[in-house]
Amino acid sequence: MNTKNVTDTTERKKLKRAARKKAAPKAKRAADVARGSTKRKVKKMVKGQSKR
């Protein structure tokens, strides 16, 4: 929902809440998918080197 043109904060809040209520519910995450599955994995490194 684009509310950039609404300057009043209370009005923007009302619009966002209404849009959130109207939107279809999000699908539940599958049981076999971990929460951080899309996170970049850090490889094991030699001592003395920085990880990132």
N, C-alpha and C. Protein backbone atom coordinates (compact mmCIF):
# COMPACT_ATOMS: atom_id res chain seq x y z
N MET A 1 0.84 -1.19 0.00
CA MET A 1 0.00 0.00 0.00
C MET A 1 0.87 1.24 0.00
N ASN A 2 0.61 2.14 -0.91
CA ASN A 2 1.40 3.36 -1.03
C ASN A 2 0.71 4.49 -0.28
N THR A 3 1.36 4.98 0.78
CA THR A 3 0.78 6.08 1.56
C THR A 3 1.70 7.29 1.58
N LYS A 4 2.58 7.41 0.59
CA LYS A 4 3.54 8.52 0.56
C LYS A 4 2.85 9.87 0.40
N ASN A 5 1.72 9.89 -0.30
CA ASN A 5 1.04 11.17 -0.54
C ASN A 5 0.19 11.61 0.65
N VAL A 6 0.00 10.75 1.66
CA VAL A 6 -0.77 11.11 2.86
C VAL A 6 0.19 11.71 3.88
N THR A 7 -0.07 12.97 4.26
CA THR A 7 0.85 13.65 5.18
C THR A 7 0.45 13.45 6.64
N ASP A 8 -0.85 13.33 6.91
CA ASP A 8 -1.33 13.16 8.29
C ASP A 8 -1.03 11.75 8.78
N THR A 9 -0.33 11.66 9.92
CA THR A 9 0.09 10.34 10.41
C THR A 9 -1.08 9.47 10.85
N THR A 10 -2.07 10.06 11.51
CA THR A 10 -3.22 9.27 11.97
C THR A 10 -4.02 8.74 10.78
N GLU A 11 -4.15 9.58 9.76
CA GLU A 11 -4.86 9.16 8.55
C GLU A 11 -4.12 8.03 7.84
N ARG A 12 -2.79 8.16 7.79
CA ARG A 12 -1.97 7.12 7.17
C ARG A 12 -2.12 5.81 7.92
N LYS A 13 -2.13 5.90 9.26
CA LYS A 13 -2.27 4.71 10.10
C LYS A 13 -3.61 4.02 9.82
N LYS A 14 -4.66 4.81 9.71
CA LYS A 14 -6.00 4.26 9.43
C LYS A 14 -6.00 3.52 8.10
N LEU A 15 -5.41 4.14 7.07
CA LEU A 15 -5.36 3.54 5.74
C LEU A 15 -4.59 2.23 5.76
N LYS A 16 -3.43 2.24 6.44
CA LYS A 16 -2.60 1.03 6.49
C LYS A 16 -3.31 -0.10 7.21
N ARG A 17 -3.95 0.22 8.34
CA ARG A 17 -4.67 -0.81 9.10
C ARG A 17 -5.80 -1.41 8.28
N ALA A 18 -6.52 -0.55 7.55
CA ALA A 18 -7.62 -1.02 6.71
C ALA A 18 -7.09 -1.94 5.61
N ALA A 19 -5.96 -1.56 5.02
CA ALA A 19 -5.37 -2.37 3.94
C ALA A 19 -4.89 -3.71 4.50
N ARG A 20 -4.32 -3.68 5.71
CA ARG A 20 -3.83 -4.92 6.32
C ARG A 20 -4.99 -5.87 6.62
N LYS A 21 -6.11 -5.29 7.05
CA LYS A 21 -7.29 -6.10 7.36
C LYS A 21 -7.88 -6.73 6.10
N LYS A 22 -7.85 -5.94 4.99
CA LYS A 22 -8.44 -6.38 3.73
C LYS A 22 -7.57 -7.42 3.01
N ALA A 23 -6.25 -7.37 3.23
CA ALA A 23 -5.33 -8.26 2.51
C ALA A 23 -5.54 -9.72 2.90
N ALA A 24 -5.24 -10.60 1.95
CA ALA A 24 -5.38 -12.03 2.20
C ALA A 24 -4.35 -12.48 3.24
N PRO A 25 -4.71 -13.43 4.10
CA PRO A 25 -3.75 -13.88 5.12
C PRO A 25 -2.55 -14.59 4.50
N LYS A 26 -1.40 -14.36 5.10
CA LYS A 26 -0.17 -14.97 4.58
C LYS A 26 -0.17 -16.47 4.89
N ALA A 27 0.41 -17.23 3.98
CA ALA A 27 0.49 -18.68 4.16
C ALA A 27 1.49 -19.03 5.24
N LYS A 28 1.20 -20.08 5.99
CA LYS A 28 2.12 -20.52 7.05
C LYS A 28 3.37 -21.12 6.42
N ARG A 29 4.49 -21.00 7.14
CA ARG A 29 5.74 -21.58 6.66
C ARG A 29 5.67 -23.08 6.80
N ALA A 30 6.18 -23.80 5.80
CA ALA A 30 6.18 -25.26 5.84
C ALA A 30 7.03 -25.75 7.01
N ALA A 31 6.67 -26.92 7.55
CA ALA A 31 7.34 -27.45 8.73
C ALA A 31 8.81 -27.77 8.49
N ASP A 32 9.14 -28.14 7.24
CA ASP A 32 10.52 -28.53 6.96
C ASP A 32 11.43 -27.35 6.58
N VAL A 33 10.88 -26.14 6.53
CA VAL A 33 11.69 -24.96 6.17
C VAL A 33 12.11 -24.24 7.44
N ALA A 34 13.43 -24.07 7.62
CA ALA A 34 13.94 -23.37 8.80
C ALA A 34 13.72 -21.86 8.66
N ARG A 35 13.68 -21.16 9.78
CA ARG A 35 13.43 -19.72 9.76
C ARG A 35 14.55 -18.95 9.05
N GLY A 36 15.78 -19.37 9.23
CA GLY A 36 16.90 -18.66 8.62
C GLY A 36 17.43 -19.35 7.38
N SER A 37 16.55 -20.02 6.65
CA SER A 37 17.00 -20.82 5.50
C SER A 37 17.54 -19.96 4.37
N THR A 38 17.06 -18.71 4.23
CA THR A 38 17.53 -17.86 3.14
C THR A 38 18.74 -17.03 3.53
N LYS A 39 19.15 -17.12 4.80
CA LYS A 39 20.28 -16.35 5.31
C LYS A 39 21.59 -16.89 4.72
N ARG A 40 22.53 -15.98 4.45
CA ARG A 40 23.82 -16.41 3.91
C ARG A 40 24.61 -17.15 4.97
N LYS A 41 25.10 -18.30 4.63
CA LYS A 41 25.85 -19.11 5.59
C LYS A 41 27.31 -18.67 5.60
N VAL A 42 27.92 -18.67 6.79
CA VAL A 42 29.31 -18.27 6.93
C VAL A 42 30.16 -19.53 6.96
N LYS A 43 31.12 -19.61 6.04
CA LYS A 43 31.99 -20.78 5.96
C LYS A 43 33.00 -20.75 7.11
N LYS A 44 33.45 -21.93 7.56
CA LYS A 44 34.47 -21.99 8.61
C LYS A 44 35.79 -21.49 8.03
N MET A 45 36.50 -20.68 8.82
CA MET A 45 37.73 -20.10 8.32
C MET A 45 38.90 -20.43 9.23
N VAL A 46 40.07 -20.16 8.72
CA VAL A 46 41.30 -20.39 9.48
C VAL A 46 41.38 -19.34 10.59
N LYS A 47 41.99 -19.66 11.70
CA LYS A 47 42.16 -18.72 12.81
C LYS A 47 42.89 -17.47 12.34
N GLY A 48 42.45 -16.33 12.85
CA GLY A 48 43.13 -15.08 12.53
C GLY A 48 42.55 -14.33 11.33
N GLN A 49 41.56 -14.92 10.65
CA GLN A 49 40.95 -14.22 9.51
C GLN A 49 39.58 -13.70 9.92
N SER A 50 39.17 -12.57 9.34
CA SER A 50 37.87 -12.01 9.66
C SER A 50 36.79 -12.75 8.89
N LYS A 51 35.62 -12.91 9.52
CA LYS A 51 34.55 -13.69 8.90
C LYS A 51 33.90 -12.96 7.72
N ARG A 52 33.70 -11.67 7.85
CA ARG A 52 33.01 -10.94 6.77
C ARG A 52 33.86 -9.77 6.31
